[in-house]
Amino acid sequence: MLASPPSVRRALAALLAAFLLVAGACTGERPTLAEDAEETTTEAKPAGALPPAGALDLEPDYGAALAELGLKLTDRGGLIDRGGGGYEPSVTGTHLALYVEPIADRTVSQYIDGIQSVGAVFADVFERWPGLESFDVCQEPVGEDDPGGREPLPVTQIELTKAESAAIDWATVTVIDLVRAAHAVPPGIALRVIASLASDPAYVAILNAA
């Protein structure tokens, strides 16, 4: 693995001071291809099938798996129409936006691990609902809305297209692998983190390893 020059790492650290696309060393292997993964048993749906429009309607499908991670779905998000550069809730939208929040207190390590584990929970969305073209899932901070009435900034966000998700073996991929994928040319996924997490030593160590 090639190490990034100090000057590059300093520049990357500056970029991570805001809620931006994760940057860092772009070396090493890509995530394991899904062709090596175990076959899924998810029931096939019609080619244009879409999930329910409301995020909480997915609770029967994913609530138990999220609870094992100490998380729950929120009522934010759902099906989104991003046609023409917009971002509007729509029952025919082909992007699925999801937000999960902690059931109790959550550590930095749990947020970092959640980049992979939460992504893995929803890795079957494209097989369940073939009409989807992309999805993203955000880990919310502990607590509810900002005291000023604003929606809180997510701590992490991972966004994938159907092809990007299919190229990942979610059973074996690591957080480091996902960070590497975000730095591929072109990027294999979109991964964003909030500034406070980006500057945490535990996350900086992930960047240095990627």
Protein backbone atom coordinates (compact mmCIF):
# COMPACT_ATOMS: atom_id res chain seq x y z
CA MET A 1 0.00 0.00 0.00
CA LEU A 2 1.34 3.42 -0.95
CA ALA A 3 1.37 6.05 1.78
CA SER A 4 0.02 9.51 1.05
CA PRO A 5 2.57 12.37 1.30
CA PRO A 6 2.21 14.57 4.42
CA SER A 7 1.12 17.52 2.31
CA VAL A 8 -1.76 15.52 0.84
CA ARG A 9 -2.90 14.40 4.30
CA ARG A 10 -2.88 17.99 5.55
CA ALA A 11 -5.03 19.05 2.59
CA LEU A 12 -7.44 16.21 3.21
CA ALA A 13 -7.77 17.15 6.87
CA ALA A 14 -8.79 20.65 5.84
CA LEU A 15 -11.46 19.32 3.50
CA LEU A 16 -12.88 17.18 6.27
CA ALA A 17 -13.50 20.25 8.44
CA ALA A 18 -16.92 20.53 6.74
CA PHE A 19 -19.68 18.07 5.89
CA LEU A 20 -18.19 17.06 2.51
CA LEU A 21 -17.45 13.99 0.48
CA VAL A 22 -14.97 11.97 2.49
CA ALA A 23 -11.42 12.45 1.20
CA GLY A 24 -8.23 10.58 1.98
CA ALA A 25 -5.68 8.15 0.62
CA CYS A 26 -6.89 6.39 -2.50
CA THR A 27 -4.92 3.21 -2.53
CA GLY A 28 -5.36 -0.47 -1.91
CA GLU A 29 -8.00 -2.94 -2.96
CA ARG A 30 -11.62 -2.15 -3.73
CA PRO A 31 -14.41 -3.81 -1.68
CA THR A 32 -15.02 -7.48 -2.37
CA LEU A 33 -17.22 -8.02 -5.39
CA ALA A 34 -20.69 -9.31 -4.77
CA GLU A 35 -20.09 -12.26 -7.07
CA ASP A 36 -18.18 -13.78 -4.14
CA ALA A 37 -21.03 -13.20 -1.68
CA GLU A 38 -23.55 -15.76 -0.52
CA GLU A 39 -26.80 -15.90 -2.44
CA THR A 40 -29.68 -13.97 -0.93
CA THR A 41 -33.13 -15.42 -0.33
CA THR A 42 -35.02 -12.14 -0.72
CA GLU A 43 -38.23 -12.71 -2.65
CA ALA A 44 -38.11 -11.30 -6.19
CA LYS A 45 -40.43 -8.40 -7.02
CA PRO A 46 -41.67 -7.02 -10.37
CA ALA A 47 -39.09 -4.99 -12.27
CA GLY A 48 -40.63 -1.63 -11.40
CA ALA A 49 -41.54 -2.38 -7.78
CA LEU A 50 -40.90 0.39 -5.25
CA PRO A 51 -40.98 0.35 -1.44
CA PRO A 52 -43.67 2.15 0.56
CA ALA A 53 -43.32 5.91 0.27
CA GLY A 54 -43.01 6.53 4.02
CA ALA A 55 -39.80 5.68 5.85
CA LEU A 56 -41.57 4.23 8.90
CA ASP A 57 -43.46 1.82 6.63
CA LEU A 58 -40.16 -0.08 6.36
CA GLU A 59 -40.12 -0.81 10.09
CA PRO A 60 -41.48 -4.39 9.61
CA ASP A 61 -38.63 -5.14 7.19
CA TYR A 62 -35.71 -3.53 8.99
CA GLY A 63 -36.74 -2.61 12.53
CA ALA A 64 -35.42 -5.75 14.21
CA ALA A 65 -32.04 -5.61 12.48
CA LEU A 66 -31.63 -1.94 13.38
CA ALA A 67 -32.61 -2.58 17.00
CA GLU A 68 -29.74 -5.07 17.26
CA LEU A 69 -27.45 -2.15 16.37
CA GLY A 70 -29.09 0.14 18.92
CA LEU A 71 -30.89 2.16 16.23
CA LYS A 72 -34.39 2.85 14.94
CA LEU A 73 -35.90 4.37 11.82
CA THR A 74 -37.18 7.93 11.97
CA ASP A 75 -40.07 9.42 10.02
CA ARG A 76 -37.69 11.54 7.96
CA GLY A 77 -37.02 10.56 4.38
CA GLY A 78 -38.82 7.96 2.29
CA LEU A 79 -39.16 7.83 -1.48
CA ILE A 80 -37.65 10.84 -3.24
CA ASP A 81 -37.91 12.08 -6.81
CA ARG A 82 -34.54 13.53 -7.81
CA GLY A 83 -35.46 14.11 -11.44
CA GLY A 84 -34.18 17.30 -12.99
CA GLY A 85 -31.87 17.92 -10.06
CA GLY A 86 -34.77 18.23 -7.60
CA TYR A 87 -35.39 16.48 -4.30
CA GLU A 88 -39.10 16.00 -3.69
CA PRO A 89 -41.01 13.32 -1.75
CA SER A 90 -42.94 11.18 -4.24
CA VAL A 91 -44.69 7.81 -4.25
CA THR A 92 -43.01 7.19 -7.62
CA GLY A 93 -39.56 8.39 -6.57
CA THR A 94 -36.69 6.04 -7.36
CA HIS A 95 -34.34 7.25 -4.60
CA LEU A 96 -34.85 6.00 -1.05
CA ALA A 97 -33.64 8.31 1.72
CA LEU A 98 -33.51 6.86 5.24
CA TYR A 99 -32.52 8.23 8.65
CA VAL A 100 -31.75 6.11 11.70
CA GLU A 101 -31.27 7.44 15.22
CA PRO A 102 -29.81 5.89 18.37
CA ILE A 103 -32.13 4.27 20.87
CA ALA A 104 -29.71 5.31 23.65
CA ASP A 105 -26.31 7.00 23.92
CA ARG A 106 -23.90 6.19 21.08
CA THR A 107 -20.10 6.26 20.98
CA VAL A 108 -17.83 7.46 18.21
CA SER A 109 -16.78 3.87 17.56
CA GLN A 110 -20.40 2.83 17.14
CA TYR A 111 -20.99 5.61 14.61
CA ILE A 112 -17.89 4.56 12.68
CA ASP A 113 -18.86 0.88 12.74
CA GLY A 114 -22.35 1.91 11.67
CA ILE A 115 -21.05 3.13 8.32
CA GLN A 116 -20.72 -0.55 7.39
CA SER A 117 -23.28 -2.24 9.62
CA VAL A 118 -26.15 0.14 8.82
CA GLY A 119 -25.33 -0.02 5.12
CA ALA A 120 -25.42 -3.80 5.34
CA VAL A 121 -28.89 -3.74 6.92
CA PHE A 122 -30.27 -2.00 3.82
CA ALA A 123 -28.08 -3.74 1.25
CA ASP A 124 -31.02 -5.74 -0.08
CA VAL A 125 -33.24 -2.76 -0.96
CA PHE A 126 -32.49 -3.05 -4.66
CA GLU A 127 -33.40 -6.72 -4.74
CA ARG A 128 -36.53 -6.20 -2.66
CA TRP A 129 -37.62 -3.29 -4.84
CA PRO A 130 -36.03 -3.40 -8.32
CA GLY A 131 -37.55 -0.04 -9.26
CA LEU A 132 -35.14 1.77 -6.94
CA GLU A 133 -32.14 3.41 -8.59
CA SER A 134 -30.32 4.68 -5.50
CA PHE A 135 -30.56 5.01 -1.74
CA ASP A 136 -28.85 6.75 1.13
CA VAL A 137 -28.95 6.19 4.87
CA CYS A 138 -27.92 8.70 7.52
CA GLN A 139 -27.00 8.04 11.13
CA GLU A 140 -28.58 10.80 13.21
CA PRO A 141 -27.09 12.28 16.39
CA VAL A 142 -28.46 11.28 19.80
CA GLY A 143 -31.64 13.20 20.58
CA GLU A 144 -34.25 14.78 18.38
CA ASP A 145 -34.41 18.05 16.48
CA ASP A 146 -31.96 20.88 16.95
CA PRO A 147 -33.03 23.22 19.81
CA GLY A 148 -33.59 25.90 17.20
CA GLY A 149 -36.21 23.79 15.44
CA ARG A 150 -33.89 22.76 12.62
CA GLU A 151 -33.33 19.20 11.53
CA PRO A 152 -29.99 17.92 12.88
CA LEU A 153 -27.05 17.30 10.59
CA PRO A 154 -26.45 13.56 10.16
CA VAL A 155 -23.30 12.17 11.73
CA THR A 156 -22.68 9.91 8.74
CA GLN A 157 -24.28 9.42 5.34
CA ILE A 158 -23.62 6.66 2.83
CA GLU A 159 -25.21 6.84 -0.61
CA LEU A 160 -25.12 4.18 -3.32
CA THR A 161 -26.60 3.44 -6.70
CA LYS A 162 -27.86 -0.02 -7.54
CA ALA A 163 -24.65 -0.85 -9.44
CA GLU A 164 -22.41 0.45 -6.64
CA SER A 165 -24.19 -1.63 -4.02
CA ALA A 166 -24.05 -4.75 -6.20
CA ALA A 167 -20.25 -4.39 -6.42
CA ILE A 168 -19.88 -4.74 -2.65
CA ASP A 169 -19.91 -7.93 -0.60
CA TRP A 170 -21.64 -6.54 2.47
CA ALA A 171 -20.83 -9.66 4.49
CA THR A 172 -17.09 -8.99 4.37
CA VAL A 173 -16.60 -5.32 3.46
CA THR A 174 -15.03 -3.12 6.15
CA VAL A 175 -15.29 0.57 6.95
CA ILE A 176 -11.79 1.01 5.54
CA ASP A 177 -12.95 -0.65 2.30
CA LEU A 178 -15.89 1.72 2.06
CA VAL A 179 -13.66 4.75 2.63
CA ARG A 180 -11.37 3.49 -0.16
CA ALA A 181 -14.38 3.06 -2.44
CA ALA A 182 -15.36 6.67 -1.80
CA HIS A 183 -11.92 7.76 -3.07
CA ALA A 184 -11.88 5.66 -6.23
CA VAL A 185 -11.71 7.39 -9.61
CA PRO A 186 -14.60 7.55 -10.32
CA PRO A 187 -15.92 7.15 -6.76
CA GLY A 188 -17.46 3.77 -5.96
CA ILE A 189 -19.83 5.27 -3.37
CA ALA A 190 -20.59 8.61 -1.73
CA LEU A 191 -19.64 8.80 1.94
CA ARG A 192 -19.99 11.89 4.13
CA VAL A 193 -19.30 12.53 7.80
CA ILE A 194 -19.88 15.50 10.08
CA ALA A 195 -16.87 17.66 11.01
CA SER A 196 -16.74 16.54 14.63
CA LEU A 197 -16.44 12.91 13.58
CA ALA A 198 -14.02 13.67 10.76
CA SER A 199 -11.57 15.19 13.23
CA ASP A 200 -11.89 12.45 15.85
CA PRO A 201 -8.67 10.39 16.24
CA ALA A 202 -10.56 7.14 15.70
CA TYR A 203 -11.86 8.33 12.33
CA VAL A 204 -8.53 9.89 11.37
CA ALA A 205 -6.99 6.45 11.94
CA ILE A 206 -9.49 5.00 9.45
CA LEU A 207 -8.47 7.61 6.89
CA ASN A 208 -4.81 6.90 7.41
CA ALA A 209 -5.41 3.19 6.92
CA ALA A 210 -7.48 3.62 3.77
